[in-house]
Amino acid sequence: MTANSMITSIRNNLNLLSKRNRLKNKLGGFNSEKKVEYNFPKATKKQLNDIAKQLKEEHRIRMLKVVIVTFILFLGLVVGFLYSTD
């Protein structure tokens, strides 16, 4: 392997690396010194428990819907297969 092909290979590999550092000083870009502050509302233990119960109920209903739709589709495939074999 010649020196020129090695240099070309290194340049190609560098071009494949992330371009994030090149974009660091652009307008509206990355600023490592700026800290983001969030103002989250306080929640009581009762509110958190209510939210957890509501999420569990929504998850249960969603899973029930998925099971019903899956069963209906499976039943449709079985019926379609039975009619296609006759």
N, C-alpha and C. Protein backbone atom coordinates (compact mmCIF):
# COMPACT_ATOMS: atom_id res chain seq x y z
N MET A 1 0.85 -1.17 0.00
CA MET A 1 0.00 0.00 0.00
C MET A 1 0.90 1.24 0.00
N THR A 2 0.62 2.13 -0.88
CA THR A 2 1.45 3.33 -0.98
C THR A 2 1.01 4.37 0.03
N ALA A 3 1.84 5.35 0.23
CA ALA A 3 1.56 6.41 1.20
C ALA A 3 0.33 7.20 0.79
N ASN A 4 0.16 7.44 -0.51
CA ASN A 4 -1.00 8.22 -0.97
C ASN A 4 -2.31 7.51 -0.66
N SER A 5 -2.33 6.20 -0.82
CA SER A 5 -3.57 5.48 -0.55
C SER A 5 -3.86 5.46 0.95
N MET A 6 -2.82 5.41 1.78
CA MET A 6 -3.03 5.47 3.23
C MET A 6 -3.58 6.83 3.64
N ILE A 7 -3.03 7.91 3.07
CA ILE A 7 -3.50 9.25 3.37
C ILE A 7 -4.96 9.41 2.93
N THR A 8 -5.29 8.89 1.76
CA THR A 8 -6.66 8.96 1.26
C THR A 8 -7.60 8.20 2.19
N SER A 9 -7.18 7.04 2.65
CA SER A 9 -8.00 6.25 3.56
C SER A 9 -8.24 6.99 4.87
N ILE A 10 -7.20 7.63 5.40
CA ILE A 10 -7.36 8.39 6.65
C ILE A 10 -8.30 9.57 6.44
N ARG A 11 -8.18 10.27 5.34
CA ARG A 11 -9.07 11.40 5.05
C ARG A 11 -10.52 10.94 4.92
N ASN A 12 -10.72 9.81 4.24
CA ASN A 12 -12.08 9.29 4.09
C ASN A 12 -12.67 8.91 5.44
N ASN A 13 -11.85 8.32 6.30
CA ASN A 13 -12.33 7.95 7.63
C ASN A 13 -12.67 9.18 8.45
N LEU A 14 -11.89 10.23 8.36
CA LEU A 14 -12.17 11.47 9.08
C LEU A 14 -13.46 12.11 8.58
N ASN A 15 -13.73 11.98 7.28
CA ASN A 15 -14.96 12.54 6.73
C ASN A 15 -16.19 11.79 7.23
N LEU A 16 -16.02 10.53 7.64
CA LEU A 16 -17.14 9.75 8.14
C LEU A 16 -17.46 10.06 9.60
N LEU A 17 -16.54 10.71 10.32
CA LEU A 17 -16.76 11.02 11.71
C LEU A 17 -17.84 12.08 11.87
N SER A 18 -18.32 12.22 13.10
CA SER A 18 -19.40 13.16 13.40
C SER A 18 -18.99 14.59 13.07
N LYS A 19 -19.94 15.33 12.58
CA LYS A 19 -19.71 16.73 12.22
C LYS A 19 -20.13 17.67 13.34
N ARG A 20 -20.42 17.13 14.52
CA ARG A 20 -20.94 17.94 15.62
C ARG A 20 -19.97 19.05 16.01
N ASN A 21 -18.69 18.77 16.10
CA ASN A 21 -17.73 19.80 16.51
C ASN A 21 -17.67 20.93 15.50
N ARG A 22 -17.91 20.63 14.25
CA ARG A 22 -17.88 21.68 13.23
C ARG A 22 -19.08 22.61 13.38
N LEU A 23 -20.17 22.11 13.91
CA LEU A 23 -21.39 22.90 14.04
C LEU A 23 -21.47 23.64 15.38
N LYS A 24 -20.46 23.49 16.22
CA LYS A 24 -20.51 24.02 17.58
C LYS A 24 -20.62 25.54 17.61
N ASN A 25 -19.94 26.25 16.74
CA ASN A 25 -19.89 27.71 16.79
C ASN A 25 -20.84 28.38 15.81
N LYS A 26 -21.79 27.66 15.29
CA LYS A 26 -22.75 28.24 14.36
C LYS A 26 -23.85 28.97 15.11
N LEU A 27 -24.57 29.80 14.40
CA LEU A 27 -25.65 30.58 14.98
C LEU A 27 -26.75 29.64 15.48
N GLY A 28 -27.14 29.79 16.74
CA GLY A 28 -28.19 28.96 17.30
C GLY A 28 -27.73 27.55 17.60
N GLY A 29 -26.44 27.35 17.69
CA GLY A 29 -25.90 26.02 17.88
C GLY A 29 -25.71 25.64 19.32
N PHE A 30 -24.78 24.80 19.55
CA PHE A 30 -24.50 24.20 20.84
C PHE A 30 -23.77 25.18 21.75
N ASN A 31 -24.20 25.28 23.00
CA ASN A 31 -23.53 26.13 23.97
C ASN A 31 -23.38 25.32 25.25
N SER A 32 -22.16 24.90 25.59
CA SER A 32 -21.95 24.03 26.74
C SER A 32 -22.05 24.78 28.06
N GLU A 33 -21.94 26.10 28.06
CA GLU A 33 -21.98 26.87 29.30
C GLU A 33 -23.41 27.18 29.74
N LYS A 34 -24.36 27.12 28.85
CA LYS A 34 -25.74 27.45 29.18
C LYS A 34 -26.42 26.24 29.83
N LYS A 35 -27.01 26.46 31.01
CA LYS A 35 -27.73 25.40 31.70
C LYS A 35 -29.22 25.60 31.49
N VAL A 36 -29.92 24.51 31.25
CA VAL A 36 -31.36 24.55 31.06
C VAL A 36 -32.02 24.33 32.42
N GLU A 37 -32.93 25.19 32.77
CA GLU A 37 -33.65 25.04 34.03
C GLU A 37 -35.11 24.73 33.73
N TYR A 38 -35.63 23.75 34.45
CA TYR A 38 -37.01 23.35 34.28
C TYR A 38 -37.79 23.72 35.54
N ASN A 39 -39.02 24.13 35.35
CA ASN A 39 -39.88 24.49 36.46
C ASN A 39 -41.03 23.48 36.51
N PHE A 40 -40.79 22.34 37.17
CA PHE A 40 -41.80 21.31 37.26
C PHE A 40 -42.75 21.60 38.41
N PRO A 41 -44.05 21.36 38.22
CA PRO A 41 -44.98 21.56 39.32
C PRO A 41 -44.82 20.46 40.36
N LYS A 42 -45.13 20.78 41.60
CA LYS A 42 -45.06 19.80 42.68
C LYS A 42 -46.31 18.93 42.64
N ALA A 43 -46.14 17.64 42.94
CA ALA A 43 -47.27 16.71 42.96
C ALA A 43 -47.30 16.02 44.31
N THR A 44 -48.52 15.86 44.82
CA THR A 44 -48.66 15.16 46.09
C THR A 44 -48.65 13.66 45.86
N LYS A 45 -48.49 12.92 46.94
CA LYS A 45 -48.46 11.46 46.83
C LYS A 45 -49.80 10.93 46.32
N LYS A 46 -50.91 11.56 46.72
CA LYS A 46 -52.23 11.13 46.26
C LYS A 46 -52.37 11.35 44.75
N GLN A 47 -51.89 12.50 44.25
CA GLN A 47 -51.96 12.76 42.81
C GLN A 47 -51.15 11.73 42.04
N LEU A 48 -49.96 11.40 42.55
CA LEU A 48 -49.12 10.40 41.87
C LEU A 48 -49.78 9.03 41.87
N ASN A 49 -50.42 8.67 42.98
CA ASN A 49 -51.13 7.38 43.04
C ASN A 49 -52.31 7.36 42.08
N ASP A 50 -53.03 8.49 41.98
CA ASP A 50 -54.15 8.57 41.05
C ASP A 50 -53.67 8.44 39.60
N ILE A 51 -52.56 9.09 39.30
CA ILE A 51 -52.01 9.00 37.94
C ILE A 51 -51.57 7.57 37.65
N ALA A 52 -50.95 6.91 38.62
CA ALA A 52 -50.51 5.52 38.43
C ALA A 52 -51.70 4.60 38.19
N LYS A 53 -52.77 4.79 38.96
CA LYS A 53 -53.97 3.97 38.77
C LYS A 53 -54.58 4.21 37.40
N GLN A 54 -54.63 5.48 36.98
CA GLN A 54 -55.20 5.81 35.68
C GLN A 54 -54.37 5.19 34.56
N LEU A 55 -53.04 5.25 34.67
CA LEU A 55 -52.18 4.66 33.64
C LEU A 55 -52.34 3.15 33.58
N LYS A 56 -52.46 2.50 34.76
CA LYS A 56 -52.66 1.04 34.77
C LYS A 56 -53.98 0.67 34.12
N GLU A 57 -55.02 1.45 34.39
CA GLU A 57 -56.32 1.18 33.79
C GLU A 57 -56.28 1.37 32.28
N GLU A 58 -55.63 2.44 31.82
CA GLU A 58 -55.49 2.67 30.37
C GLU A 58 -54.70 1.54 29.72
N HIS A 59 -53.65 1.08 30.39
CA HIS A 59 -52.84 -0.01 29.85
C HIS A 59 -53.67 -1.29 29.76
N ARG A 60 -54.48 -1.56 30.80
CA ARG A 60 -55.32 -2.76 30.80
C ARG A 60 -56.33 -2.70 29.65
N ILE A 61 -56.95 -1.55 29.45
CA ILE A 61 -57.93 -1.41 28.37
C ILE A 61 -57.25 -1.56 27.01
N ARG A 62 -56.07 -0.95 26.85
CA ARG A 62 -55.34 -1.05 25.58
C ARG A 62 -54.97 -2.50 25.28
N MET A 63 -54.50 -3.22 26.29
CA MET A 63 -54.12 -4.63 26.08
C MET A 63 -55.35 -5.47 25.74
N LEU A 64 -56.48 -5.18 26.37
CA LEU A 64 -57.71 -5.90 26.06
C LEU A 64 -58.11 -5.66 24.60
N LYS A 65 -57.99 -4.41 24.14
CA LYS A 65 -58.31 -4.11 22.75
C LYS A 65 -57.37 -4.85 21.80
N VAL A 66 -56.08 -4.90 22.14
CA VAL A 66 -55.10 -5.59 21.29
C VAL A 66 -55.42 -7.08 21.21
N VAL A 67 -55.77 -7.67 22.34
CA VAL A 67 -56.10 -9.10 22.36
C VAL A 67 -57.35 -9.37 21.53
N ILE A 68 -58.36 -8.53 21.66
CA ILE A 68 -59.60 -8.73 20.90
C ILE A 68 -59.35 -8.59 19.41
N VAL A 69 -58.61 -7.56 19.00
CA VAL A 69 -58.32 -7.36 17.57
C VAL A 69 -57.48 -8.51 17.03
N THR A 70 -56.51 -8.98 17.80
CA THR A 70 -55.69 -10.11 17.38
C THR A 70 -56.52 -11.36 17.22
N PHE A 71 -57.43 -11.61 18.16
CA PHE A 71 -58.29 -12.78 18.07
C PHE A 71 -59.19 -12.71 16.84
N ILE A 72 -59.74 -11.54 16.58
CA ILE A 72 -60.62 -11.39 15.41
C ILE A 72 -59.84 -11.61 14.12
N LEU A 73 -58.63 -11.04 14.04
CA LEU A 73 -57.82 -11.25 12.84
C LEU A 73 -57.43 -12.72 12.68
N PHE A 74 -57.07 -13.37 13.77
CA PHE A 74 -56.71 -14.79 13.70
C PHE A 74 -57.91 -15.62 13.25
N LEU A 75 -59.08 -15.32 13.82
CA LEU A 75 -60.29 -16.03 13.44
C LEU A 75 -60.59 -15.80 11.95
N GLY A 76 -60.40 -14.56 11.47
CA GLY A 76 -60.61 -14.29 10.05
C GLY A 76 -59.65 -15.04 9.16
N LEU A 77 -58.39 -15.16 9.60
CA LEU A 77 -57.42 -15.93 8.81
C LEU A 77 -57.77 -17.41 8.79
N VAL A 78 -58.22 -17.94 9.91
CA VAL A 78 -58.60 -19.36 9.96
C VAL A 78 -59.80 -19.61 9.06
N VAL A 79 -60.80 -18.75 9.12
CA VAL A 79 -61.98 -18.90 8.26
C VAL A 79 -61.59 -18.77 6.80
N GLY A 80 -60.74 -17.80 6.49
CA GLY A 80 -60.27 -17.64 5.12
C GLY A 80 -59.49 -18.85 4.64
N PHE A 81 -58.68 -19.42 5.50
CA PHE A 81 -57.92 -20.63 5.12
C PHE A 81 -58.85 -21.81 4.90
N LEU A 82 -59.87 -21.95 5.76
CA LEU A 82 -60.81 -23.08 5.61
C LEU A 82 -61.61 -22.97 4.31
N TYR A 83 -62.03 -21.75 3.95
CA TYR A 83 -62.78 -21.58 2.70
C TYR A 83 -61.88 -21.73 1.48
N SER A 84 -60.60 -21.42 1.62
CA SER A 84 -59.73 -21.55 0.45
C SER A 84 -59.34 -23.00 0.19
N THR A 85 -59.43 -23.86 1.18
CA THR A 85 -59.08 -25.27 0.97
C THR A 85 -60.22 -26.05 0.38
N ASP A 86 -61.45 -25.55 0.42
CA ASP A 86 -62.61 -26.29 -0.14
C ASP A 86 -62.68 -26.19 -1.62
